[in-house]
Amino acid sequence: MWVEGVSYEIPWIRMKRGQAIFIPCLDPPRARAQILAITKRLKLKILMKVVIHERIRGLRIWRI
């Protein structure tokens, strides 16, 4: 998966419900759209929130 020019290999299928990942990004709305396109194709339910983690802004993504 590519988000803002950076490649991420996320094992979406192996993620259990309730697990979360953090993806740093400068443009959260654009990153959100890119991630939603992938998770919709895989038919996964996720929750995303813009957060600041250790002084870095990004998206926290939970599998629900």
PDB file of N, CA and C in Angstrom:
ATOM      1  N   MET A   1       0.848  -1.156   0.000  1.00  0.00           N
ATOM      2  CA  MET A   1       0.000   0.000   0.000  1.00  0.00           C
ATOM      3  C   MET A   1       0.905   1.234   0.000  1.00  0.00           C
ATOM      4  N   TRP A   2       0.560   2.203  -0.814  1.00  0.00           N
ATOM      5  CA  TRP A   2       1.306   3.462  -0.891  1.00  0.00           C
ATOM      6  C   TRP A   2       0.484   4.567  -0.239  1.00  0.00           C
ATOM      7  N   VAL A   3       1.102   5.276   0.697  1.00  0.00           N
ATOM      8  CA  VAL A   3       0.474   6.426   1.345  1.00  0.00           C
ATOM      9  C   VAL A   3       1.480   7.557   1.302  1.00  0.00           C
ATOM     10  N   GLU A   4       1.124   8.623   0.614  1.00  0.00           N
ATOM     11  CA  GLU A   4       1.967   9.814   0.471  1.00  0.00           C
ATOM     12  C   GLU A   4       3.376   9.472  -0.010  1.00  0.00           C
ATOM     13  N   GLY A   5       3.460   8.565  -0.960  1.00  0.00           N
ATOM     14  CA  GLY A   5       4.740   8.229  -1.565  1.00  0.00           C
ATOM     15  C   GLY A   5       5.578   7.230  -0.791  1.00  0.00           C
ATOM     16  N   VAL A   6       5.049   6.690   0.303  1.00  0.00           N
ATOM     17  CA  VAL A   6       5.773   5.704   1.108  1.00  0.00           C
ATOM     18  C   VAL A   6       5.039   4.373   1.019  1.00  0.00           C
ATOM     19  N   SER A   7       5.802   3.310   0.806  1.00  0.00           N
ATOM     20  CA  SER A   7       5.219   1.972   0.697  1.00  0.00           C
ATOM     21  C   SER A   7       5.125   1.331   2.082  1.00  0.00           C
ATOM     22  N   TYR A   8       3.940   0.802   2.406  1.00  0.00           N
ATOM     23  CA  TYR A   8       3.710   0.083   3.658  1.00  0.00           C
ATOM     24  C   TYR A   8       3.197  -1.310   3.326  1.00  0.00           C
ATOM     25  N   GLU A   9       3.720  -2.300   4.009  1.00  0.00           N
ATOM     26  CA  GLU A   9       3.216  -3.668   3.874  1.00  0.00           C
ATOM     27  C   GLU A   9       2.467  -3.997   5.159  1.00  0.00           C
ATOM     28  N   ILE A  10       1.161  -3.934   5.084  1.00  0.00           N
ATOM     29  CA  ILE A  10       0.324  -4.155   6.260  1.00  0.00           C
ATOM     30  C   ILE A  10      -0.435  -5.462   6.070  1.00  0.00           C
ATOM     31  N   PRO A  11      -0.291  -6.389   7.015  1.00  0.00           N
ATOM     32  CA  PRO A  11      -0.996  -7.678   6.906  1.00  0.00           C
ATOM     33  C   PRO A  11      -2.455  -7.540   7.349  1.00  0.00           C
ATOM     34  N   TRP A  12      -3.261  -6.883   6.522  1.00  0.00           N
ATOM     35  CA  TRP A  12      -4.652  -6.599   6.892  1.00  0.00           C
ATOM     36  C   TRP A  12      -5.406  -7.859   7.285  1.00  0.00           C
ATOM     37  N   ILE A  13      -5.229  -8.935   6.527  1.00  0.00           N
ATOM     38  CA  ILE A  13      -5.991 -10.154   6.776  1.00  0.00           C
ATOM     39  C   ILE A  13      -5.590 -10.794   8.108  1.00  0.00           C
ATOM     40  N   ARG A  14      -4.322 -10.700   8.482  1.00  0.00           N
ATOM     41  CA  ARG A  14      -3.855 -11.307   9.737  1.00  0.00           C
ATOM     42  C   ARG A  14      -4.139 -10.445  10.954  1.00  0.00           C
ATOM     43  N   MET A  15      -4.506  -9.182  10.749  1.00  0.00           N
ATOM     44  CA  MET A  15      -4.828  -8.313  11.884  1.00  0.00           C
ATOM     45  C   MET A  15      -6.115  -8.788  12.547  1.00  0.00           C
ATOM     46  N   LYS A  16      -6.080  -8.879  13.863  1.00  0.00           N
ATOM     47  CA  LYS A  16      -7.265  -9.279  14.607  1.00  0.00           C
ATOM     48  C   LYS A  16      -8.102  -8.049  14.932  1.00  0.00           C
ATOM     49  N   ARG A  17      -9.359  -8.279  15.223  1.00  0.00           N
ATOM     50  CA  ARG A  17     -10.240  -7.180  15.603  1.00  0.00           C
ATOM     51  C   ARG A  17      -9.708  -6.508  16.854  1.00  0.00           C
ATOM     52  N   GLY A  18      -9.671  -5.188  16.833  1.00  0.00           N
ATOM     53  CA  GLY A  18      -9.186  -4.413  17.957  1.00  0.00           C
ATOM     54  C   GLY A  18      -7.728  -3.992  17.825  1.00  0.00           C
ATOM     55  N   GLN A  19      -6.979  -4.629  16.939  1.00  0.00           N
ATOM     56  CA  GLN A  19      -5.593  -4.230  16.736  1.00  0.00           C
ATOM     57  C   GLN A  19      -5.542  -2.923  15.973  1.00  0.00           C
ATOM     58  N   ALA A  20      -4.475  -2.149  16.226  1.00  0.00           N
ATOM     59  CA  ALA A  20      -4.341  -0.842  15.591  1.00  0.00           C
ATOM     60  C   ALA A  20      -2.934  -0.655  15.056  1.00  0.00           C
ATOM     61  N   ILE A  21      -2.829   0.223  14.053  1.00  0.00           N
ATOM     62  CA  ILE A  21      -1.536   0.617  13.505  1.00  0.00           C
ATOM     63  C   ILE A  21      -1.527   2.141  13.404  1.00  0.00           C
ATOM     64  N   PHE A  22      -0.336   2.691  13.320  1.00  0.00           N
ATOM     65  CA  PHE A  22      -0.175   4.133  13.169  1.00  0.00           C
ATOM     66  C   PHE A  22       0.598   4.386  11.886  1.00  0.00           C
ATOM     67  N   ILE A  23       0.067   5.258  11.046  1.00  0.00           N
ATOM     68  CA  ILE A  23       0.733   5.630   9.807  1.00  0.00           C
ATOM     69  C   ILE A  23       0.944   7.143   9.831  1.00  0.00           C
ATOM     70  N   PRO A  24       2.208   7.589   9.868  1.00  0.00           N
ATOM     71  CA  PRO A  24       2.470   9.024   9.846  1.00  0.00           C
ATOM     72  C   PRO A  24       2.114   9.617   8.491  1.00  0.00           C
ATOM     73  N   CYS A  25       1.535  10.821   8.497  1.00  0.00           N
ATOM     74  CA  CYS A  25       1.180  11.458   7.234  1.00  0.00           C
ATOM     75  C   CYS A  25       1.049  12.968   7.422  1.00  0.00           C
ATOM     76  N   LEU A  26       1.252  13.700   6.350  1.00  0.00           N
ATOM     77  CA  LEU A  26       1.140  15.155   6.361  1.00  0.00           C
ATOM     78  C   LEU A  26      -0.243  15.625   5.925  1.00  0.00           C
ATOM     79  N   ASP A  27      -0.906  14.828   5.096  1.00  0.00           N
ATOM     80  CA  ASP A  27      -2.219  15.177   4.558  1.00  0.00           C
ATOM     81  C   ASP A  27      -3.211  14.066   4.920  1.00  0.00           C
ATOM     82  N   PRO A  28      -3.755  14.082   6.152  1.00  0.00           N
ATOM     83  CA  PRO A  28      -4.640  12.993   6.594  1.00  0.00           C
ATOM     84  C   PRO A  28      -5.855  12.725   5.704  1.00  0.00           C
ATOM     85  N   PRO A  29      -6.561  13.738   5.171  1.00  0.00           N
ATOM     86  CA  PRO A  29      -7.709  13.415   4.313  1.00  0.00           C
ATOM     87  C   PRO A  29      -7.321  12.618   3.059  1.00  0.00           C
ATOM     88  N   ARG A  30      -6.213  12.975   2.458  1.00  0.00           N
ATOM     89  CA  ARG A  30      -5.754  12.250   1.266  1.00  0.00           C
ATOM     90  C   ARG A  30      -5.314  10.822   1.631  1.00  0.00           C
ATOM     91  N   ALA A  31      -4.595  10.685   2.739  1.00  0.00           N
ATOM     92  CA  ALA A  31      -4.157   9.364   3.194  1.00  0.00           C
ATOM     93  C   ALA A  31      -5.367   8.504   3.551  1.00  0.00           C
ATOM     94  N   ARG A  32      -6.366   9.113   4.186  1.00  0.00           N
ATOM     95  CA  ARG A  32      -7.588   8.381   4.553  1.00  0.00           C
ATOM     96  C   ARG A  32      -8.277   7.808   3.309  1.00  0.00           C
ATOM     97  N   ALA A  33      -8.353   8.605   2.255  1.00  0.00           N
ATOM     98  CA  ALA A  33      -8.993   8.138   1.014  1.00  0.00           C
ATOM     99  C   ALA A  33      -8.222   6.973   0.408  1.00  0.00           C
ATOM    100  N   GLN A  34      -6.900   7.037   0.433  1.00  0.00           N
ATOM    101  CA  GLN A  34      -6.089   5.953  -0.119  1.00  0.00           C
ATOM    102  C   GLN A  34      -6.281   4.667   0.684  1.00  0.00           C
ATOM    103  N   ILE A  35      -6.321   4.781   1.996  1.00  0.00           N
ATOM    104  CA  ILE A  35      -6.497   3.601   2.848  1.00  0.00           C
ATOM    105  C   ILE A  35      -7.898   3.027   2.713  1.00  0.00           C
ATOM    106  N   LEU A  36      -8.905   3.888   2.632  1.00  0.00           N
ATOM    107  CA  LEU A  36     -10.280   3.409   2.469  1.00  0.00           C
ATOM    108  C   LEU A  36     -10.458   2.640   1.164  1.00  0.00           C
ATOM    109  N   ALA A  37      -9.799   3.080   0.107  1.00  0.00           N
ATOM    110  CA  ALA A  37      -9.904   2.376  -1.175  1.00  0.00           C
ATOM    111  C   ALA A  37      -9.401   0.943  -1.043  1.00  0.00           C
ATOM    112  N   ILE A  38      -8.327   0.751  -0.315  1.00  0.00           N
ATOM    113  CA  ILE A  38      -7.763  -0.587  -0.152  1.00  0.00           C
ATOM    114  C   ILE A  38      -8.626  -1.451   0.757  1.00  0.00           C
ATOM    115  N   THR A  39      -9.052  -0.894   1.894  1.00  0.00           N
ATOM    116  CA  THR A  39      -9.830  -1.699   2.829  1.00  0.00           C
ATOM    117  C   THR A  39     -11.228  -2.028   2.287  1.00  0.00           C
ATOM    118  N   LYS A  40     -11.785  -1.156   1.480  1.00  0.00           N
ATOM    119  CA  LYS A  40     -13.080  -1.479   0.854  1.00  0.00           C
ATOM    120  C   LYS A  40     -12.925  -2.627  -0.140  1.00  0.00           C
ATOM    121  N   ARG A  41     -11.816  -2.608  -0.882  1.00  0.00           N
ATOM    122  CA  ARG A  41     -11.567  -3.692  -1.836  1.00  0.00           C
ATOM    123  C   ARG A  41     -11.414  -5.026  -1.104  1.00  0.00           C
ATOM    124  N   LEU A  42     -10.788  -5.000   0.082  1.00  0.00           N
ATOM    125  CA  LEU A  42     -10.598  -6.208   0.879  1.00  0.00           C
ATOM    126  C   LEU A  42     -11.804  -6.533   1.759  1.00  0.00           C
ATOM    127  N   LYS A  43     -12.825  -5.654   1.741  1.00  0.00           N
ATOM    128  CA  LYS A  43     -14.051  -5.801   2.529  1.00  0.00           C
ATOM    129  C   LYS A  43     -13.761  -5.890   4.024  1.00  0.00           C
ATOM    130  N   LEU A  44     -12.915  -4.974   4.504  1.00  0.00           N
ATOM    131  CA  LEU A  44     -12.564  -4.905   5.919  1.00  0.00           C
ATOM    132  C   LEU A  44     -13.226  -3.692   6.555  1.00  0.00           C
ATOM    133  N   LYS A  45     -13.630  -3.846   7.811  1.00  0.00           N
ATOM    134  CA  LYS A  45     -14.182  -2.728   8.559  1.00  0.00           C
ATOM    135  C   LYS A  45     -13.071  -2.135   9.408  1.00  0.00           C
ATOM    136  N   ILE A  46     -12.881  -0.823   9.266  1.00  0.00           N
ATOM    137  CA  ILE A  46     -11.836  -0.140  10.020  1.00  0.00           C
ATOM    138  C   ILE A  46     -12.377   1.162  10.596  1.00  0.00           C
ATOM    139  N   LEU A  47     -11.653   1.685  11.558  1.00  0.00           N
ATOM    140  CA  LEU A  47     -11.943   2.989  12.144  1.00  0.00           C
ATOM    141  C   LEU A  47     -10.646   3.781  12.082  1.00  0.00           C
ATOM    142  N   MET A  48     -10.704   5.016  11.597  1.00  0.00           N
ATOM    143  CA  MET A  48      -9.505   5.853  11.489  1.00  0.00           C
ATOM    144  C   MET A  48      -9.715   7.151  12.260  1.00  0.00           C
ATOM    145  N   LYS A  49      -8.615   7.609  12.863  1.00  0.00           N
ATOM    146  CA  LYS A  49      -8.653   8.863  13.594  1.00  0.00           C
ATOM    147  C   LYS A  49      -7.312   9.564  13.428  1.00  0.00           C
ATOM    148  N   VAL A  50      -7.348  10.878  13.209  1.00  0.00           N
ATOM    149  CA  VAL A  50      -6.123  11.666  13.127  1.00  0.00           C
ATOM    150  C   VAL A  50      -5.622  11.875  14.553  1.00  0.00           C
ATOM    151  N   VAL A  51      -4.382  11.467  14.795  1.00  0.00           N
ATOM    152  CA  VAL A  51      -3.801  11.577  16.139  1.00  0.00           C
ATOM    153  C   VAL A  51      -2.378  12.114  16.054  1.00  0.00           C
ATOM    154  N   ILE A  52      -1.865  12.529  17.185  1.00  0.00           N
ATOM    155  CA  ILE A  52      -0.449  12.903  17.296  1.00  0.00           C
ATOM    156  C   ILE A  52       0.176  11.899  18.251  1.00  0.00           C
ATOM    157  N   HIS A  53       1.121  11.117  17.736  1.00  0.00           N
ATOM    158  CA  HIS A  53       1.796  10.078  18.501  1.00  0.00           C
ATOM    159  C   HIS A  53       3.275  10.411  18.570  1.00  0.00           C
ATOM    160  N   GLU A  54       3.766  10.635  19.781  1.00  0.00           N
ATOM    161  CA  GLU A  54       5.162  11.012  19.991  1.00  0.00           C
ATOM    162  C   GLU A  54       5.569  12.193  19.103  1.00  0.00           C
ATOM    163  N   ARG A  55       4.717  13.225  19.101  1.00  0.00           N
ATOM    164  CA  ARG A  55       4.930  14.483  18.362  1.00  0.00           C
ATOM    165  C   ARG A  55       4.906  14.308  16.847  1.00  0.00           C
ATOM    166  N   ILE A  56       4.301  13.231  16.350  1.00  0.00           N
ATOM    167  CA  ILE A  56       4.185  12.993  14.910  1.00  0.00           C
ATOM    168  C   ILE A  56       2.703  12.842  14.579  1.00  0.00           C
ATOM    169  N   ARG A  57       2.233  13.643  13.625  1.00  0.00           N
ATOM    170  CA  ARG A  57       0.826  13.573  13.213  1.00  0.00           C
ATOM    171  C   ARG A  57       0.645  12.444  12.218  1.00  0.00           C
ATOM    172  N   GLY A  58      -0.460  11.735  12.354  1.00  0.00           N
ATOM    173  CA  GLY A  58      -0.743  10.648  11.432  1.00  0.00           C
ATOM    174  C   GLY A  58      -2.112  10.066  11.685  1.00  0.00           C
ATOM    175  N   LEU A  59      -2.353   8.896  11.111  1.00  0.00           N
ATOM    176  CA  LEU A  59      -3.630   8.203  11.254  1.00  0.00           C
ATOM    177  C   LEU A  59      -3.446   6.959  12.115  1.00  0.00           C
ATOM    178  N   ARG A  60      -4.321   6.822  13.105  1.00  0.00           N
ATOM    179  CA  ARG A  60      -4.396   5.589  13.868  1.00  0.00           C
ATOM    180  C   ARG A  60      -5.531   4.804  13.229  1.00  0.00           C
ATOM    181  N   ILE A  61      -5.274   3.556  12.877  1.00  0.00           N
ATOM    182  CA  ILE A  61      -6.258   2.741  12.170  1.00  0.00           C
ATOM    183  C   ILE A  61      -6.509   1.482  12.983  1.00  0.00           C
ATOM    184  N   TRP A  62      -7.777   1.269  13.365  1.00  0.00           N
ATOM    185  CA  TRP A  62      -8.175   0.071  14.085  1.00  0.00           C
ATOM    186  C   TRP A  62      -8.966  -0.837  13.170  1.00  0.00           C
ATOM    187  N   ARG A  63      -8.760  -2.124  13.302  1.00  0.00           N
ATOM    188  CA  ARG A  63      -9.633  -3.082  12.608  1.00  0.00           C
ATOM    189  C   ARG A  63     -10.769  -3.408  13.559  1.00  0.00           C
ATOM    190  N   ILE A  64     -12.011  -3.267  13.070  1.00  0.00           N
ATOM    191  CA  ILE A  64     -13.183  -3.532  13.905  1.00  0.00           C
ATOM    192  C   ILE A  64     -14.004  -4.657  13.326  1.00  0.00           C
TER     193      ILE A  64
END
